[in-house]
C-alpha atoms as a PDB file:
ATOM      1  CA  UNK A   1     -18.252 -39.691  -7.735  1.00  0.00           C
ATOM      2  CA  UNK A   2     -16.314 -41.080  -4.768  1.00  0.00           C
ATOM      3  CA  UNK A   3     -15.769 -38.624  -1.934  1.00  0.00           C
ATOM      4  CA  UNK A   4     -12.102 -38.265  -1.038  1.00  0.00           C
ATOM      5  CA  UNK A   5     -11.199 -38.157   2.658  1.00  0.00           C
ATOM      6  CA  UNK A   6      -8.469 -35.618   3.443  1.00  0.00           C
ATOM      7  CA  UNK A   7      -6.660 -34.828   6.685  1.00  0.00           C
ATOM      8  CA  UNK A   8      -4.740 -31.565   6.879  1.00  0.00           C
ATOM      9  CA  UNK A   9      -2.066 -31.118   9.532  1.00  0.00           C
ATOM     10  CA  UNK A  10      -2.640 -27.486  10.397  1.00  0.00           C
ATOM     11  CA  UNK A  11      -0.173 -24.749  11.338  1.00  0.00           C
ATOM     12  CA  UNK A  12       0.263 -23.284  14.819  1.00  0.00           C
ATOM     13  CA  UNK A  13      -0.214 -19.561  14.118  1.00  0.00           C
ATOM     14  CA  UNK A  14      -3.432 -17.603  13.585  1.00  0.00           C
ATOM     15  CA  UNK A  15      -2.297 -15.951  10.370  1.00  0.00           C
ATOM     16  CA  UNK A  16      -1.035 -19.207   8.889  1.00  0.00           C
ATOM     17  CA  UNK A  17      -4.291 -20.981   9.737  1.00  0.00           C
ATOM     18  CA  UNK A  18      -6.304 -18.238   8.059  1.00  0.00           C
ATOM     19  CA  UNK A  19      -4.137 -18.492   4.937  1.00  0.00           C
ATOM     20  CA  UNK A  20      -4.674 -22.275   4.990  1.00  0.00           C
ATOM     21  CA  UNK A  21      -8.329 -21.622   4.124  1.00  0.00           C
ATOM     22  CA  UNK A  22      -7.160 -20.864   0.595  1.00  0.00           C
ATOM     23  CA  UNK A  23      -5.978 -24.480   0.369  1.00  0.00           C
ATOM     24  CA  UNK A  24      -9.296 -25.755   1.724  1.00  0.00           C
ATOM     25  CA  UNK A  25     -11.233 -23.723  -0.841  1.00  0.00           C
ATOM     26  CA  UNK A  26      -8.981 -24.888  -3.659  1.00  0.00           C
ATOM     27  CA  UNK A  27      -9.410 -28.539  -2.615  1.00  0.00           C
ATOM     28  CA  UNK A  28     -13.193 -28.195  -2.639  1.00  0.00           C
ATOM     29  CA  UNK A  29     -13.097 -26.706  -6.129  1.00  0.00           C
ATOM     30  CA  UNK A  30     -10.630 -29.197  -7.616  1.00  0.00           C
ATOM     31  CA  UNK A  31     -12.617 -32.151  -6.275  1.00  0.00           C
ATOM     32  CA  UNK A  32     -15.949 -30.608  -7.318  1.00  0.00           C
ATOM     33  CA  UNK A  33     -16.922 -30.605  -3.634  1.00  0.00           C
ATOM     34  CA  UNK A  34     -16.498 -34.403  -3.519  1.00  0.00           C
ATOM     35  CA  UNK A  35     -14.050 -34.303  -0.633  1.00  0.00           C
ATOM     36  CA  UNK A  36     -14.241 -34.159   3.132  1.00  0.00           C
ATOM     37  CA  UNK A  37     -11.568 -31.962   4.696  1.00  0.00           C
ATOM     38  CA  UNK A  38     -10.689 -32.592   8.322  1.00  0.00           C
ATOM     39  CA  UNK A  39      -8.014 -30.580  10.105  1.00  0.00           C
ATOM     40  CA  UNK A  40      -5.939 -31.524  13.128  1.00  0.00           C
ATOM     41  CA  UNK A  41      -4.697 -28.406  14.887  1.00  0.00           C
ATOM     42  CA  UNK A  42      -4.249 -26.866  18.361  1.00  0.00           C
ATOM     43  CA  UNK A  43      -7.496 -26.425  20.301  1.00  0.00           C
ATOM     44  CA  UNK A  44      -7.201 -22.614  20.267  1.00  0.00           C
ATOM     45  CA  UNK A  45      -7.645 -22.630  16.482  1.00  0.00           C
ATOM     46  CA  UNK A  46     -10.945 -24.524  16.431  1.00  0.00           C
ATOM     47  CA  UNK A  47     -13.162 -21.399  16.737  1.00  0.00           C
ATOM     48  CA  UNK A  48     -11.316 -20.145  13.652  1.00  0.00           C
ATOM     49  CA  UNK A  49     -11.838 -23.403  11.762  1.00  0.00           C
ATOM     50  CA  UNK A  50     -15.528 -23.255  12.704  1.00  0.00           C
ATOM     51  CA  UNK A  51     -15.764 -20.103  10.531  1.00  0.00           C
ATOM     52  CA  UNK A  52     -14.476 -22.014   7.485  1.00  0.00           C
ATOM     53  CA  UNK A  53     -17.354 -23.896   5.826  1.00  0.00           C
ATOM     54  CA  UNK A  54     -14.907 -26.034   3.852  1.00  0.00           C
ATOM     55  CA  UNK A  55     -13.765 -27.851   7.026  1.00  0.00           C
ATOM     56  CA  UNK A  56     -15.868 -30.881   7.937  1.00  0.00           C
ATOM     57  CA  UNK A  57     -14.281 -31.697  11.282  1.00  0.00           C
ATOM     58  CA  UNK A  58     -11.543 -30.292  13.506  1.00  0.00           C
ATOM     59  CA  UNK A  59      -9.434 -32.662  15.584  1.00  0.00           C
ATOM     60  CA  UNK A  60      -7.455 -31.446  18.583  1.00  0.00           C
ATOM     61  CA  UNK A  61      -3.680 -31.711  18.348  1.00  0.00           C
ATOM     62  CA  UNK A  62      -2.992 -32.508  22.023  1.00  0.00           C
ATOM     63  CA  UNK A  63       0.782 -32.205  21.758  1.00  0.00           C
ATOM     64  CA  UNK A  64       2.237 -28.751  22.382  1.00  0.00           C
ATOM     65  CA  UNK A  65       4.240 -26.945  19.699  1.00  0.00           C
ATOM     66  CA  UNK A  66       7.772 -28.331  19.526  1.00  0.00           C
ATOM     67  CA  UNK A  67       7.109 -31.357  21.782  1.00  0.00           C
ATOM     68  CA  UNK A  68       7.624 -34.932  20.619  1.00  0.00           C
ATOM     69  CA  UNK A  69       5.404 -36.907  23.069  1.00  0.00           C
ATOM     70  CA  UNK A  70       5.635 -40.094  21.049  1.00  0.00           C
ATOM     71  CA  UNK A  71       2.960 -42.013  22.989  1.00  0.00           C
ATOM     72  CA  UNK A  72       0.305 -39.293  22.674  1.00  0.00           C
ATOM     73  CA  UNK A  73       0.887 -38.986  18.933  1.00  0.00           C
ATOM     74  CA  UNK A  74       0.484 -42.758  18.592  1.00  0.00           C
ATOM     75  CA  UNK A  75      -2.779 -42.649  20.541  1.00  0.00           C
ATOM     76  CA  UNK A  76      -4.155 -39.871  18.340  1.00  0.00           C
ATOM     77  CA  UNK A  77      -3.066 -41.734  15.213  1.00  0.00           C
ATOM     78  CA  UNK A  78      -4.865 -44.881  16.384  1.00  0.00           C
ATOM     79  CA  UNK A  79      -8.109 -42.888  16.566  1.00  0.00           C
ATOM     80  CA  UNK A  80      -7.552 -41.200  13.206  1.00  0.00           C
ATOM     81  CA  UNK A  81      -6.809 -44.527  11.516  1.00  0.00           C
ATOM     82  CA  UNK A  82     -10.488 -45.395  11.982  1.00  0.00           C
ATOM     83  CA  UNK A  83     -11.435 -42.478   9.708  1.00  0.00           C
ATOM     84  CA  UNK A  84      -9.931 -44.140   6.601  1.00  0.00           C
ATOM     85  CA  UNK A  85      -8.333 -41.006   5.177  1.00  0.00           C
ATOM     86  CA  UNK A  86      -7.059 -41.201   1.612  1.00  0.00           C
ATOM     87  CA  UNK A  87      -4.478 -38.456   1.963  1.00  0.00           C
ATOM     88  CA  UNK A  88      -2.797 -36.302   4.582  1.00  0.00           C
ATOM     89  CA  UNK A  89      -1.474 -32.855   3.661  1.00  0.00           C
ATOM     90  CA  UNK A  90       1.205 -31.569   6.028  1.00  0.00           C
ATOM     91  CA  UNK A  91       1.447 -27.786   6.176  1.00  0.00           C
ATOM     92  CA  UNK A  92       4.272 -27.637   8.780  1.00  0.00           C
ATOM     93  CA  UNK A  93       7.704 -28.745   7.580  1.00  0.00           C
ATOM     94  CA  UNK A  94       8.752 -30.438  10.813  1.00  0.00           C
ATOM     95  CA  UNK A  95       9.483 -34.121  11.316  1.00  0.00           C
ATOM     96  CA  UNK A  96       7.067 -34.207  14.267  1.00  0.00           C
ATOM     97  CA  UNK A  97       4.145 -33.073  12.102  1.00  0.00           C
ATOM     98  CA  UNK A  98       4.654 -36.152   9.904  1.00  0.00           C
ATOM     99  CA  UNK A  99       4.422 -38.700  12.696  1.00  0.00           C
ATOM    100  CA  UNK A 100       0.640 -38.905  13.209  1.00  0.00           C
ATOM    101  CA  UNK A 101      -0.217 -39.462   9.513  1.00  0.00           C
ATOM    102  CA  UNK A 102       2.496 -42.117   9.362  1.00  0.00           C
ATOM    103  CA  UNK A 103       1.323 -43.852  12.541  1.00  0.00           C
ATOM    104  CA  UNK A 104      -2.252 -43.718  11.174  1.00  0.00           C
ATOM    105  CA  UNK A 105      -1.048 -45.409   7.957  1.00  0.00           C
ATOM    106  CA  UNK A 106      -2.690 -42.822   5.712  1.00  0.00           C
ATOM    107  CA  UNK A 107      -1.785 -44.015   2.186  1.00  0.00           C
ATOM    108  CA  UNK A 108      -0.691 -40.699   0.667  1.00  0.00           C
ATOM    109  CA  UNK A 109       1.217 -38.280   2.908  1.00  0.00           C
ATOM    110  CA  UNK A 110       2.025 -35.038   1.114  1.00  0.00           C
ATOM    111  CA  UNK A 111       4.436 -32.357   2.311  1.00  0.00           C
ATOM    112  CA  UNK A 112       7.442 -30.246   1.487  1.00  0.00           C
ATOM    113  CA  UNK A 113      10.905 -31.607   2.090  1.00  0.00           C
ATOM    114  CA  UNK A 114      11.780 -30.168   5.494  1.00  0.00           C
ATOM    115  CA  UNK A 115      13.402 -31.886   8.428  1.00  0.00           C
ATOM    116  CA  UNK A 116      14.570 -35.458   7.862  1.00  0.00           C
ATOM    117  CA  UNK A 117      11.214 -37.141   7.299  1.00  0.00           C
ATOM    118  CA  UNK A 118      11.864 -39.385   4.307  1.00  0.00           C
ATOM    119  CA  UNK A 119       9.527 -42.366   4.485  1.00  0.00           C
ATOM    120  CA  UNK A 120       7.195 -40.534   6.832  1.00  0.00           C
ATOM    121  CA  UNK A 121       6.241 -38.311   3.894  1.00  0.00           C
ATOM    122  CA  UNK A 122       5.794 -40.513   0.805  1.00  0.00           C
ATOM    123  CA  UNK A 123       4.599 -37.724  -1.509  1.00  0.00           C
ATOM    124  CA  UNK A 124       7.597 -35.463  -1.007  1.00  0.00           C
ATOM    125  CA  UNK A 125       7.663 -32.086  -2.766  1.00  0.00           C
ATOM    126  CA  UNK A 126      10.787 -29.985  -3.376  1.00  0.00           C
ATOM    127  CA  UNK A 127      10.079 -26.300  -2.820  1.00  0.00           C
ATOM    128  CA  UNK A 128      11.208 -23.759  -5.399  1.00  0.00           C
ATOM    129  CA  UNK A 129      11.004 -20.583  -3.328  1.00  0.00           C
ATOM    130  CA  UNK A 130      11.447 -18.333  -6.364  1.00  0.00           C
ATOM    131  CA  UNK A 131       8.522 -19.981  -8.160  1.00  0.00           C
ATOM    132  CA  UNK A 132       6.338 -19.946  -5.030  1.00  0.00           C
ATOM    133  CA  UNK A 133       7.335 -16.806  -3.106  1.00  0.00           C
ATOM    134  CA  UNK A 134       4.134 -16.550  -1.037  1.00  0.00           C
ATOM    135  CA  UNK A 135       2.997 -18.769   1.814  1.00  0.00           C
ATOM    136  CA  UNK A 136      -0.482 -19.117   0.302  1.00  0.00           C
ATOM    137  CA  UNK A 137       1.104 -20.514  -2.875  1.00  0.00           C
ATOM    138  CA  UNK A 138       3.151 -23.016  -0.891  1.00  0.00           C
ATOM    139  CA  UNK A 139       0.069 -24.215   0.962  1.00  0.00           C
ATOM    140  CA  UNK A 140      -2.058 -24.512  -2.183  1.00  0.00           C
ATOM    141  CA  UNK A 141       0.684 -26.271  -4.158  1.00  0.00           C
ATOM    142  CA  UNK A 142       0.410 -29.195  -1.732  1.00  0.00           C
ATOM    143  CA  UNK A 143      -3.222 -29.627  -2.771  1.00  0.00           C
ATOM    144  CA  UNK A 144      -2.503 -30.372  -6.429  1.00  0.00           C
ATOM    145  CA  UNK A 145      -0.642 -33.263  -8.101  1.00  0.00           C
ATOM    146  CA  UNK A 146       3.122 -33.063  -7.944  1.00  0.00           C
ATOM    147  CA  UNK A 147       3.734 -31.915 -11.517  1.00  0.00           C
ATOM    148  CA  UNK A 148       0.582 -29.851 -11.944  1.00  0.00           C
ATOM    149  CA  UNK A 149       0.729 -26.097 -12.499  1.00  0.00           C
ATOM    150  CA  UNK A 150      -0.598 -23.927  -9.691  1.00  0.00           C
ATOM    151  CA  UNK A 151      -3.342 -21.504 -10.671  1.00  0.00           C
ATOM    152  CA  UNK A 152      -2.335 -17.853 -10.779  1.00  0.00           C
ATOM    153  CA  UNK A 153      -5.500 -16.597  -9.097  1.00  0.00           C
ATOM    154  CA  UNK A 154      -5.852 -18.469  -5.813  1.00  0.00           C
ATOM    155  CA  UNK A 155      -8.961 -18.162  -3.650  1.00  0.00           C
ATOM    156  CA  UNK A 156      -8.654 -15.790  -0.714  1.00  0.00           C
ATOM    157  CA  UNK A 157      -9.731 -16.656   2.833  1.00  0.00           C
ATOM    158  CA  UNK A 158     -13.281 -15.625   3.774  1.00  0.00           C
ATOM    159  CA  UNK A 159     -14.299 -16.108   7.385  1.00  0.00           C
ATOM    160  CA  UNK A 160     -17.977 -16.517   8.169  1.00  0.00           C
ATOM    161  CA  UNK A 161     -19.659 -14.190  10.666  1.00  0.00           C
ATOM    162  CA  UNK A 162     -22.081 -15.071  13.463  1.00  0.00           C
ATOM    163  CA  UNK A 163     -24.420 -12.062  13.256  1.00  0.00           C
ATOM    164  CA  UNK A 164     -26.158 -12.859  16.544  1.00  0.00           C
ATOM    165  CA  UNK A 165     -22.798 -13.110  18.271  1.00  0.00           C
ATOM    166  CA  UNK A 166     -21.909  -9.577  17.129  1.00  0.00           C
ATOM    167  CA  UNK A 167     -24.730  -8.173  19.228  1.00  0.00           C
ATOM    168  CA  UNK A 168     -23.899 -10.450  22.161  1.00  0.00           C
ATOM    169  CA  UNK A 169     -20.237  -9.431  22.082  1.00  0.00           C
ATOM    170  CA  UNK A 170     -21.095  -5.724  21.911  1.00  0.00           C
ATOM    171  CA  UNK A 171     -23.408  -6.063  24.906  1.00  0.00           C
ATOM    172  CA  UNK A 172     -20.990  -8.118  27.001  1.00  0.00           C
ATOM    173  CA  UNK A 173     -18.156  -5.641  26.461  1.00  0.00           C
ATOM    174  CA  UNK A 174     -20.414  -2.567  26.755  1.00  0.00           C
ATOM    175  CA  UNK A 175     -19.550  -1.383  23.253  1.00  0.00           C
ATOM    176  CA  UNK A 176     -21.731   0.591  20.852  1.00  0.00           C
ATOM    177  CA  UNK A 177     -21.867   1.273  17.133  1.00  0.00           C
ATOM    178  CA  UNK A 178     -22.792   4.944  17.471  1.00  0.00           C
ATOM    179  CA  UNK A 179     -19.513   6.159  15.941  1.00  0.00           C
ATOM    180  CA  UNK A 180     -17.163   4.875  13.229  1.00  0.00           C
ATOM    181  CA  UNK A 181     -14.890   2.137  14.571  1.00  0.00           C
ATOM    182  CA  UNK A 182     -11.129   2.088  14.073  1.00  0.00           C
ATOM    183  CA  UNK A 183      -9.511  -1.144  15.251  1.00  0.00           C
ATOM    184  CA  UNK A 184      -5.833  -0.972  16.215  1.00  0.00           C
ATOM    185  CA  UNK A 185      -3.787  -4.187  16.414  1.00  0.00           C
ATOM    186  CA  UNK A 186      -0.446  -3.259  18.004  1.00  0.00           C
ATOM    187  CA  UNK A 187       0.768  -6.789  18.715  1.00  0.00           C
ATOM    188  CA  UNK A 188       2.759  -9.339  16.720  1.00  0.00           C
ATOM    189  CA  UNK A 189       3.456 -12.701  18.308  1.00  0.00           C
ATOM    190  CA  UNK A 190       6.642 -13.225  16.313  1.00  0.00           C
ATOM    191  CA  UNK A 191       8.586 -10.441  18.022  1.00  0.00           C
ATOM    192  CA  UNK A 192       9.282  -6.712  18.453  1.00  0.00           C
ATOM    193  CA  UNK A 193      10.773  -6.305  14.976  1.00  0.00           C
ATOM    194  CA  UNK A 194       7.212  -6.585  13.621  1.00  0.00           C
ATOM    195  CA  UNK A 195       5.623  -4.160  16.113  1.00  0.00           C
ATOM    196  CA  UNK A 196       5.158  -0.512  15.180  1.00  0.00           C
ATOM    197  CA  UNK A 197       5.686   1.573  18.359  1.00  0.00           C
ATOM    198  CA  UNK A 198       2.684   1.749  20.695  1.00  0.00           C
ATOM    199  CA  UNK A 199       3.303   5.490  21.083  1.00  0.00           C
ATOM    200  CA  UNK A 200       2.738   5.859  17.321  1.00  0.00           C
ATOM    201  CA  UNK A 201      -0.523   3.933  17.551  1.00  0.00           C
ATOM    202  CA  UNK A 202      -1.522   6.361  20.300  1.00  0.00           C
ATOM    203  CA  UNK A 203      -0.998   9.295  17.946  1.00  0.00           C
ATOM    204  CA  UNK A 204      -3.221   7.612  15.374  1.00  0.00           C
ATOM    205  CA  UNK A 205      -5.858   7.113  18.053  1.00  0.00           C
ATOM    206  CA  UNK A 206      -5.725  10.808  18.984  1.00  0.00           C
ATOM    207  CA  UNK A 207      -6.170  11.846  15.360  1.00  0.00           C
ATOM    208  CA  UNK A 208      -9.285   9.731  14.878  1.00  0.00           C
ATOM    209  CA  UNK A 209     -10.776  10.589  18.269  1.00  0.00           C
ATOM    210  CA  UNK A 210     -10.638  14.208  17.124  1.00  0.00           C
ATOM    211  CA  UNK A 211     -12.623  13.150  14.039  1.00  0.00           C
ATOM    212  CA  UNK A 212     -15.312  11.599  16.280  1.00  0.00           C
ATOM    213  CA  UNK A 213     -14.317   7.975  15.763  1.00  0.00           C
ATOM    214  CA  UNK A 214     -14.072   5.368  18.514  1.00  0.00           C
ATOM    215  CA  UNK A 215     -10.971   3.200  18.888  1.00  0.00           C
ATOM    216  CA  UNK A 216     -10.897  -0.505  19.731  1.00  0.00           C
ATOM    217  CA  UNK A 217      -7.501  -1.985  20.591  1.00  0.00           C
ATOM    218  CA  UNK A 218      -7.512  -5.721  19.915  1.00  0.00           C
ATOM    219  CA  UNK A 219      -5.074  -8.505  20.717  1.00  0.00           C
ATOM    220  CA  UNK A 220      -4.164 -11.085  23.313  1.00  0.00           C
ATOM    221  CA  UNK A 221      -3.180 -10.544  26.942  1.00  0.00           C
ATOM    222  CA  UNK A 222       0.420 -10.239  25.761  1.00  0.00           C
ATOM    223  CA  UNK A 223      -0.585  -7.057  23.931  1.00  0.00           C
ATOM    224  CA  UNK A 224      -2.132  -5.380  26.986  1.00  0.00           C
ATOM    225  CA  UNK A 225       0.999  -3.347  27.835  1.00  0.00           C
ATOM    226  CA  UNK A 226       0.914  -1.847  24.332  1.00  0.00           C
ATOM    227  CA  UNK A 227      -2.828  -1.206  24.623  1.00  0.00           C
ATOM    228  CA  UNK A 228      -2.314   0.595  27.915  1.00  0.00           C
ATOM    229  CA  UNK A 229       0.148   2.973  26.271  1.00  0.00           C
ATOM    230  CA  UNK A 230      -2.394   3.687  23.537  1.00  0.00           C
ATOM    231  CA  UNK A 231      -5.438   4.083  25.788  1.00  0.00           C
ATOM    232  CA  UNK A 232      -4.045   5.966  28.797  1.00  0.00           C
ATOM    233  CA  UNK A 233      -6.316   8.931  29.622  1.00  0.00           C
ATOM    234  CA  UNK A 234      -7.977   8.844  26.190  1.00  0.00           C
ATOM    235  CA  UNK A 235     -11.764   8.709  26.375  1.00  0.00           C
ATOM    236  CA  UNK A 236     -13.162   6.772  23.465  1.00  0.00           C
ATOM    237  CA  UNK A 237     -10.338   4.214  23.348  1.00  0.00           C
ATOM    238  CA  UNK A 238     -11.444   0.737  24.417  1.00  0.00           C
ATOM    239  CA  UNK A 239      -8.802  -1.797  25.411  1.00  0.00           C
ATOM    240  CA  UNK A 240     -10.124  -5.207  24.366  1.00  0.00           C
ATOM    241  CA  UNK A 241      -6.810  -7.061  24.618  1.00  0.00           C
ATOM    242  CA  UNK A 242      -7.218 -10.359  26.415  1.00  0.00           C
ATOM    243  CA  UNK A 243     -10.956  -9.752  26.836  1.00  0.00           C
ATOM    244  CA  UNK A 244     -12.316 -11.529  23.757  1.00  0.00           C
ATOM    245  CA  UNK A 245     -12.456 -15.145  22.704  1.00  0.00           C
ATOM    246  CA  UNK A 246     -11.282 -15.826  19.149  1.00  0.00           C
ATOM    247  CA  UNK A 247     -14.832 -16.121  17.795  1.00  0.00           C
ATOM    248  CA  UNK A 248     -15.789 -12.844  19.458  1.00  0.00           C
ATOM    249  CA  UNK A 249     -12.760 -11.122  17.974  1.00  0.00           C
ATOM    250  CA  UNK A 250     -13.783 -12.260  14.491  1.00  0.00           C
ATOM    251  CA  UNK A 251     -17.331 -10.985  14.896  1.00  0.00           C
ATOM    252  CA  UNK A 252     -16.316  -7.658  16.437  1.00  0.00           C
ATOM    253  CA  UNK A 253     -13.676  -6.980  13.807  1.00  0.00           C
ATOM    254  CA  UNK A 254     -16.259  -7.701  11.104  1.00  0.00           C
ATOM    255  CA  UNK A 255     -18.023  -4.406  11.896  1.00  0.00           C
ATOM    256  CA  UNK A 256     -14.898  -2.218  11.967  1.00  0.00           C
ATOM    257  CA  UNK A 257     -14.841   0.693   9.554  1.00  0.00           C
ATOM    258  CA  UNK A 258     -11.048   0.458   9.320  1.00  0.00           C
ATOM    259  CA  UNK A 259      -8.193  -1.554  10.824  1.00  0.00           C
ATOM    260  CA  UNK A 260      -4.547  -0.630  11.391  1.00  0.00           C
ATOM    261  CA  UNK A 261      -2.310  -3.593  12.097  1.00  0.00           C
ATOM    262  CA  UNK A 262       1.194  -4.937  12.119  1.00  0.00           C
ATOM    263  CA  UNK A 263       1.923  -8.040  10.054  1.00  0.00           C
ATOM    264  CA  UNK A 264       0.127 -10.381  12.454  1.00  0.00           C
ATOM    265  CA  UNK A 265      -2.645 -12.924  12.784  1.00  0.00           C
ATOM    266  CA  UNK A 266      -5.183 -10.154  13.328  1.00  0.00           C
ATOM    267  CA  UNK A 267      -4.064  -8.546  10.087  1.00  0.00           C
ATOM    268  CA  UNK A 268      -4.929 -11.735   8.210  1.00  0.00           C
ATOM    269  CA  UNK A 269      -8.236 -11.862  10.081  1.00  0.00           C
ATOM    270  CA  UNK A 270      -9.116  -8.327   8.994  1.00  0.00           C
ATOM    271  CA  UNK A 271      -8.223  -9.174   5.391  1.00  0.00           C
ATOM    272  CA  UNK A 272     -10.372 -12.325   5.491  1.00  0.00           C
ATOM    273  CA  UNK A 273     -13.255 -10.164   6.753  1.00  0.00           C
ATOM    274  CA  UNK A 274     -12.783  -7.692   3.876  1.00  0.00           C
ATOM    275  CA  UNK A 275     -12.194  -4.734   6.206  1.00  0.00           C
ATOM    276  CA  UNK A 276     -10.510  -1.522   5.094  1.00  0.00           C
ATOM    277  CA  UNK A 277      -6.992  -2.328   6.237  1.00  0.00           C
ATOM    278  CA  UNK A 278      -3.680  -0.514   6.672  1.00  0.00           C
ATOM    279  CA  UNK A 279      -0.778  -2.900   7.272  1.00  0.00           C
ATOM    280  CA  UNK A 280       2.600  -1.847   8.633  1.00  0.00           C
ATOM    281  CA  UNK A 281       5.552  -4.020   7.649  1.00  0.00           C
ATOM    282  CA  UNK A 282       8.896  -3.892   9.429  1.00  0.00           C
ATOM    283  CA  UNK A 283      11.098  -6.981   9.535  1.00  0.00           C
ATOM    284  CA  UNK A 284       8.745  -9.028   7.365  1.00  0.00           C
ATOM    285  CA  UNK A 285       7.624  -8.671   3.770  1.00  0.00           C
ATOM    286  CA  UNK A 286       4.285  -8.234   1.981  1.00  0.00           C
ATOM    287  CA  UNK A 287       5.848 -10.359  -0.727  1.00  0.00           C
ATOM    288  CA  UNK A 288       5.660 -13.448   1.531  1.00  0.00           C
ATOM    289  CA  UNK A 289       2.567 -12.914   3.676  1.00  0.00           C
ATOM    290  CA  UNK A 290       0.494 -10.157   2.062  1.00  0.00           C
ATOM    291  CA  UNK A 291      -3.010  -9.275   3.240  1.00  0.00           C
ATOM    292  CA  UNK A 292      -5.273 -11.444   1.101  1.00  0.00           C
ATOM    293  CA  UNK A 293      -8.077  -9.100   0.170  1.00  0.00           C
ATOM    294  CA  UNK A 294      -9.315  -6.969  -2.697  1.00  0.00           C
ATOM    295  CA  UNK A 295      -6.742  -4.284  -3.616  1.00  0.00           C
ATOM    296  CA  UNK A 296      -9.236  -1.513  -2.874  1.00  0.00           C
ATOM    297  CA  UNK A 297      -9.446  -2.733   0.742  1.00  0.00           C
ATOM    298  CA  UNK A 298      -5.739  -2.637   1.557  1.00  0.00           C
ATOM    299  CA  UNK A 299      -2.950  -0.102   1.999  1.00  0.00           C
ATOM    300  CA  UNK A 300       0.497  -1.605   2.604  1.00  0.00           C
ATOM    301  CA  UNK A 301       3.064   0.610   4.313  1.00  0.00           C
ATOM    302  CA  UNK A 302       6.706  -0.424   4.172  1.00  0.00           C
ATOM    303  CA  UNK A 303       9.795   1.776   3.992  1.00  0.00           C
ATOM    304  CA  UNK A 304      11.726  -0.861   2.021  1.00  0.00           C
ATOM    305  CA  UNK A 305      14.998   0.013   3.694  1.00  0.00           C
ATOM    306  CA  UNK A 306      18.181  -1.677   2.543  1.00  0.00           C
ATOM    307  CA  UNK A 307      18.255  -3.731   5.743  1.00  0.00           C
ATOM    308  CA  UNK A 308      14.713  -5.064   5.391  1.00  0.00           C
ATOM    309  CA  UNK A 309      13.080  -7.471   5.296  1.00  0.00           C
ATOM    310  CA  UNK A 310      15.386  -9.295   7.681  1.00  0.00           C
ATOM    311  CA  UNK A 311      12.706 -11.673   9.044  1.00  0.00           C
ATOM    312  CA  UNK A 312      14.257 -11.424  12.512  1.00  0.00           C
ATOM    313  CA  UNK A 313      12.357 -11.316  15.809  1.00  0.00           C
ATOM    314  CA  UNK A 314      14.492  -8.403  16.989  1.00  0.00           C
ATOM    315  CA  UNK A 315      16.315  -5.786  14.961  1.00  0.00           C
ATOM    316  CA  UNK A 316      19.852  -7.124  14.342  1.00  0.00           C
ATOM    317  CA  UNK A 317      21.075  -3.517  13.957  1.00  0.00           C
ATOM    318  CA  UNK A 318      19.301  -2.406  17.151  1.00  0.00           C
ATOM    319  CA  UNK A 319      17.646   0.651  15.598  1.00  0.00           C
ATOM    320  CA  UNK A 320      14.290  -0.568  14.224  1.00  0.00           C
ATOM    321  CA  UNK A 321      14.417   2.137  11.576  1.00  0.00           C
ATOM    322  CA  UNK A 322      12.016   0.165   9.384  1.00  0.00           C
ATOM    323  CA  UNK A 323       9.325   0.928  11.972  1.00  0.00           C
ATOM    324  CA  UNK A 324      10.616   3.990  13.816  1.00  0.00           C
ATOM    325  CA  UNK A 325      10.885   6.040  10.627  1.00  0.00           C
ATOM    326  CA  UNK A 326       7.316   5.308   9.525  1.00  0.00           C
ATOM    327  CA  UNK A 327       5.305   8.189  10.969  1.00  0.00           C
ATOM    328  CA  UNK A 328       1.790   8.249  12.459  1.00  0.00           C
ATOM    329  CA  UNK A 329       0.836  10.841   9.841  1.00  0.00           C
ATOM    330  CA  UNK A 330       1.583   8.361   7.064  1.00  0.00           C
ATOM    331  CA  UNK A 331      -0.706   5.813   8.699  1.00  0.00           C
ATOM    332  CA  UNK A 332      -3.494   8.342   9.286  1.00  0.00           C
ATOM    333  CA  UNK A 333      -3.309   9.499   5.687  1.00  0.00           C
ATOM    334  CA  UNK A 334      -3.562   5.884   4.520  1.00  0.00           C
ATOM    335  CA  UNK A 335      -6.688   5.273   6.590  1.00  0.00           C
ATOM    336  CA  UNK A 336      -8.299   8.511   5.427  1.00  0.00           C
ATOM    337  CA  UNK A 337      -7.551   7.674   1.792  1.00  0.00           C
ATOM    338  CA  UNK A 338     -10.240   4.967   1.953  1.00  0.00           C
ATOM    339  CA  UNK A 339     -13.031   7.500   2.414  1.00  0.00           C
END
């Protein structure tokens, strides 16, 4: 059997990249493992791709998100042309994402009709949003022939753990496993309309501190202000925002007893690690980007107000009721329902 060479143009968000693993797993199955899957994506995502055994090689996308940089894309394409890929699968819908596969003269270039990229994409798919309401479905549909029927049960992401790195990360951050661990993820890169109030997360932390748990607050440096609200004068709350590399974050989260998160990249990470997970939805919808994990592992909290989901970065009505009216007690009860 001839091994097919595939290049995937990866997305630029943590959650989207984790969901892309479902496509990689599906491709391996449909080709009976007779395919090599390479991914070109931003350098930050490579520690994440390293935890996906389906990926053979990760190439660095040297052009920043939203930038054209024609000459750099041509230079990258010249290098990739030497790899003799049979097909490129474009997960972003932008014109720019189609340039490198076209410059590299990859014979089959598959993607959804998005920006004006006719000719650049020669295996153009027309998206039926009603038939494919979830992002994971839209990714996986690009991995099958144009008129094929997508399987109902798609494979979920499963990130691999570096067991030795768990111990190293615990030691370097002076953390212990002597108490149950509740991870709080108060950030959401997309915008404030996806962020449950930090003061509410603080109330959750207080409840579980009283039950003799320890609290780890995880996220990027951008989430540090929220973490500071949560952790202020609370012994047993550890602010890890901006203090972990992506691989460390994966390994540390893998030992959490429970995770509370907004709809964010860390939420998808927790789901891919099969953690007990409570997800808070505000402006977004679990119908589009649900946590991909066993039902017994997940509690989804959404008030389903008439104004949501709006999919806006900021509340267009300036009240954030979809988040403000969801109480800390509801979240605590959801976490405790796992035990």
